[in-house]
Amino acid sequence: MKTLAIRLEDEQHARLTILAKLAGTSVTDTIRDAIESHLTSLAANPAISAKADELTAEINREAEEQRTAIAALFGTPKSNATGSRSRQSKG
């Protein structure tokens, strides 16, 4: 679990505290619930999903470039699958 410090305006903190009390929950749980709700909403957004696809493609391109560079430098296999199979067969 990670700890996160945030700064809130006084009025926002007061609203958060009162609403948490009225709901019978802690401020921390109220914040966690709000974050989870917002993350779920973002993940369902088609524009965000499209950006995730673009980022995944970029990550894959960069990883392939790095694998190619390592292979050129050290003569190692370009694919992790080949290295994994040979390590597994030795064990």
C-alpha atoms as a PDB file:
ATOM      1  CA  MET A   1       0.000   0.000   0.000  1.00  0.00           C
ATOM      2  CA  LYS A   2       1.257   3.469  -0.871  1.00  0.00           C
ATOM      3  CA  THR A   3       0.819   6.670   1.122  1.00  0.00           C
ATOM      4  CA  LEU A   4      -0.230   9.784  -0.752  1.00  0.00           C
ATOM      5  CA  ALA A   5      -0.315  13.323   0.605  1.00  0.00           C
ATOM      6  CA  ILE A   6      -2.677  15.783  -1.047  1.00  0.00           C
ATOM      7  CA  ARG A   7      -3.464  19.430  -0.469  1.00  0.00           C
ATOM      8  CA  LEU A   8      -7.085  20.528  -0.292  1.00  0.00           C
ATOM      9  CA  GLU A   9      -8.616  23.947  -0.060  1.00  0.00           C
ATOM     10  CA  ASP A  10     -10.100  24.578   3.392  1.00  0.00           C
ATOM     11  CA  GLU A  11     -13.646  24.605   2.029  1.00  0.00           C
ATOM     12  CA  GLN A  12     -13.126  21.334   0.144  1.00  0.00           C
ATOM     13  CA  HIS A  13     -11.661  19.684   3.235  1.00  0.00           C
ATOM     14  CA  ALA A  14     -14.594  20.875   5.341  1.00  0.00           C
ATOM     15  CA  ARG A  15     -17.082  19.440   2.821  1.00  0.00           C
ATOM     16  CA  LEU A  16     -15.166  16.168   2.681  1.00  0.00           C
ATOM     17  CA  THR A  17     -15.075  15.861   6.459  1.00  0.00           C
ATOM     18  CA  ILE A  18     -18.779  16.635   6.904  1.00  0.00           C
ATOM     19  CA  LEU A  19     -19.900  14.324   4.110  1.00  0.00           C
ATOM     20  CA  ALA A  20     -17.746  11.490   5.434  1.00  0.00           C
ATOM     21  CA  LYS A  21     -19.262  11.932   8.907  1.00  0.00           C
ATOM     22  CA  LEU A  22     -22.788  12.030   7.485  1.00  0.00           C
ATOM     23  CA  ALA A  23     -22.106   8.879   5.461  1.00  0.00           C
ATOM     24  CA  GLY A  24     -20.654   7.159   8.520  1.00  0.00           C
ATOM     25  CA  THR A  25     -17.279   6.568   6.920  1.00  0.00           C
ATOM     26  CA  SER A  26     -13.775   7.876   7.436  1.00  0.00           C
ATOM     27  CA  VAL A  27     -12.285  10.658   5.349  1.00  0.00           C
ATOM     28  CA  THR A  28      -9.731   8.146   4.037  1.00  0.00           C
ATOM     29  CA  ASP A  29     -12.407   5.684   2.929  1.00  0.00           C
ATOM     30  CA  THR A  30     -14.384   8.497   1.306  1.00  0.00           C
ATOM     31  CA  ILE A  31     -11.312   9.564  -0.637  1.00  0.00           C
ATOM     32  CA  ARG A  32     -10.540   5.966  -1.672  1.00  0.00           C
ATOM     33  CA  ASP A  33     -14.130   5.471  -2.861  1.00  0.00           C
ATOM     34  CA  ALA A  34     -14.040   8.726  -4.828  1.00  0.00           C
ATOM     35  CA  ILE A  35     -10.741   7.804  -6.465  1.00  0.00           C
ATOM     36  CA  GLU A  36     -11.993   4.323  -7.364  1.00  0.00           C
ATOM     37  CA  SER A  37     -15.157   5.779  -8.876  1.00  0.00           C
ATOM     38  CA  HIS A  38     -13.167   8.283 -10.914  1.00  0.00           C
ATOM     39  CA  LEU A  39     -10.698   5.645 -12.120  1.00  0.00           C
ATOM     40  CA  THR A  40     -13.557   3.378 -13.201  1.00  0.00           C
ATOM     41  CA  SER A  41     -15.101   6.276 -15.101  1.00  0.00           C
ATOM     42  CA  LEU A  42     -11.815   7.110 -16.829  1.00  0.00           C
ATOM     43  CA  ALA A  43     -11.183   3.483 -17.776  1.00  0.00           C
ATOM     44  CA  ALA A  44     -14.619   3.305 -19.431  1.00  0.00           C
ATOM     45  CA  ASN A  45     -13.961   6.432 -21.508  1.00  0.00           C
ATOM     46  CA  PRO A  46     -13.391   5.487 -25.189  1.00  0.00           C
ATOM     47  CA  ALA A  47     -10.926   8.359 -25.688  1.00  0.00           C
ATOM     48  CA  ILE A  48      -8.807   7.098 -22.794  1.00  0.00           C
ATOM     49  CA  SER A  49      -9.003   3.561 -24.164  1.00  0.00           C
ATOM     50  CA  ALA A  50      -7.759   4.767 -27.562  1.00  0.00           C
ATOM     51  CA  LYS A  51      -4.861   6.563 -25.878  1.00  0.00           C
ATOM     52  CA  ALA A  52      -4.053   3.338 -24.001  1.00  0.00           C
ATOM     53  CA  ASP A  53      -3.884   1.468 -27.312  1.00  0.00           C
ATOM     54  CA  GLU A  54      -1.547   4.124 -28.726  1.00  0.00           C
ATOM     55  CA  LEU A  55       0.651   3.998 -25.626  1.00  0.00           C
ATOM     56  CA  THR A  56       0.790   0.189 -25.765  1.00  0.00           C
ATOM     57  CA  ALA A  57       1.914   0.327 -29.396  1.00  0.00           C
ATOM     58  CA  GLU A  58       4.578   2.907 -28.511  1.00  0.00           C
ATOM     59  CA  ILE A  59       5.839   0.786 -25.600  1.00  0.00           C
ATOM     60  CA  ASN A  60       6.027  -2.264 -27.874  1.00  0.00           C
ATOM     61  CA  ARG A  61       7.958  -0.305 -30.536  1.00  0.00           C
ATOM     62  CA  GLU A  62      10.434   0.982 -27.942  1.00  0.00           C
ATOM     63  CA  ALA A  63      10.868  -2.478 -26.428  1.00  0.00           C
ATOM     64  CA  GLU A  64      11.595  -3.962 -29.853  1.00  0.00           C
ATOM     65  CA  GLU A  65      14.162  -1.229 -30.541  1.00  0.00           C
ATOM     66  CA  GLN A  66      15.856  -2.004 -27.229  1.00  0.00           C
ATOM     67  CA  ARG A  67      15.826  -5.773 -27.895  1.00  0.00           C
ATOM     68  CA  THR A  68      17.386  -5.142 -31.313  1.00  0.00           C
ATOM     69  CA  ALA A  69      20.058  -2.890 -29.788  1.00  0.00           C
ATOM     70  CA  ILE A  70      20.910  -5.492 -27.137  1.00  0.00           C
ATOM     71  CA  ALA A  71      21.099  -8.227 -29.749  1.00  0.00           C
ATOM     72  CA  ALA A  72      23.427  -6.082 -31.853  1.00  0.00           C
ATOM     73  CA  LEU A  73      25.652  -5.334 -28.880  1.00  0.00           C
ATOM     74  CA  PHE A  74      25.779  -8.743 -27.236  1.00  0.00           C
ATOM     75  CA  GLY A  75      24.575 -11.205 -29.847  1.00  0.00           C
ATOM     76  CA  THR A  76      21.703 -12.280 -27.618  1.00  0.00           C
ATOM     77  CA  PRO A  77      18.397 -13.556 -28.991  1.00  0.00           C
ATOM     78  CA  LYS A  78      15.901 -10.826 -29.902  1.00  0.00           C
ATOM     79  CA  SER A  79      13.012 -12.697 -28.291  1.00  0.00           C
ATOM     80  CA  ASN A  80      12.618 -13.492 -24.596  1.00  0.00           C
ATOM     81  CA  ALA A  81      10.787 -16.682 -25.563  1.00  0.00           C
ATOM     82  CA  THR A  82      13.993 -18.258 -26.913  1.00  0.00           C
ATOM     83  CA  GLY A  83      15.924 -17.399 -23.746  1.00  0.00           C
ATOM     84  CA  SER A  84      13.125 -18.660 -21.538  1.00  0.00           C
ATOM     85  CA  ARG A  85      12.955 -22.025 -23.323  1.00  0.00           C
ATOM     86  CA  SER A  86      16.678 -22.629 -23.067  1.00  0.00           C
ATOM     87  CA  ARG A  87      16.713 -21.676 -19.380  1.00  0.00           C
ATOM     88  CA  GLN A  88      13.757 -23.947 -18.674  1.00  0.00           C
ATOM     89  CA  SER A  89      15.330 -26.934 -20.417  1.00  0.00           C
ATOM     90  CA  LYS A  90      18.504 -26.572 -18.330  1.00  0.00           C
ATOM     91  CA  GLY A  91      16.601 -26.580 -15.025  1.00  0.00           C
END
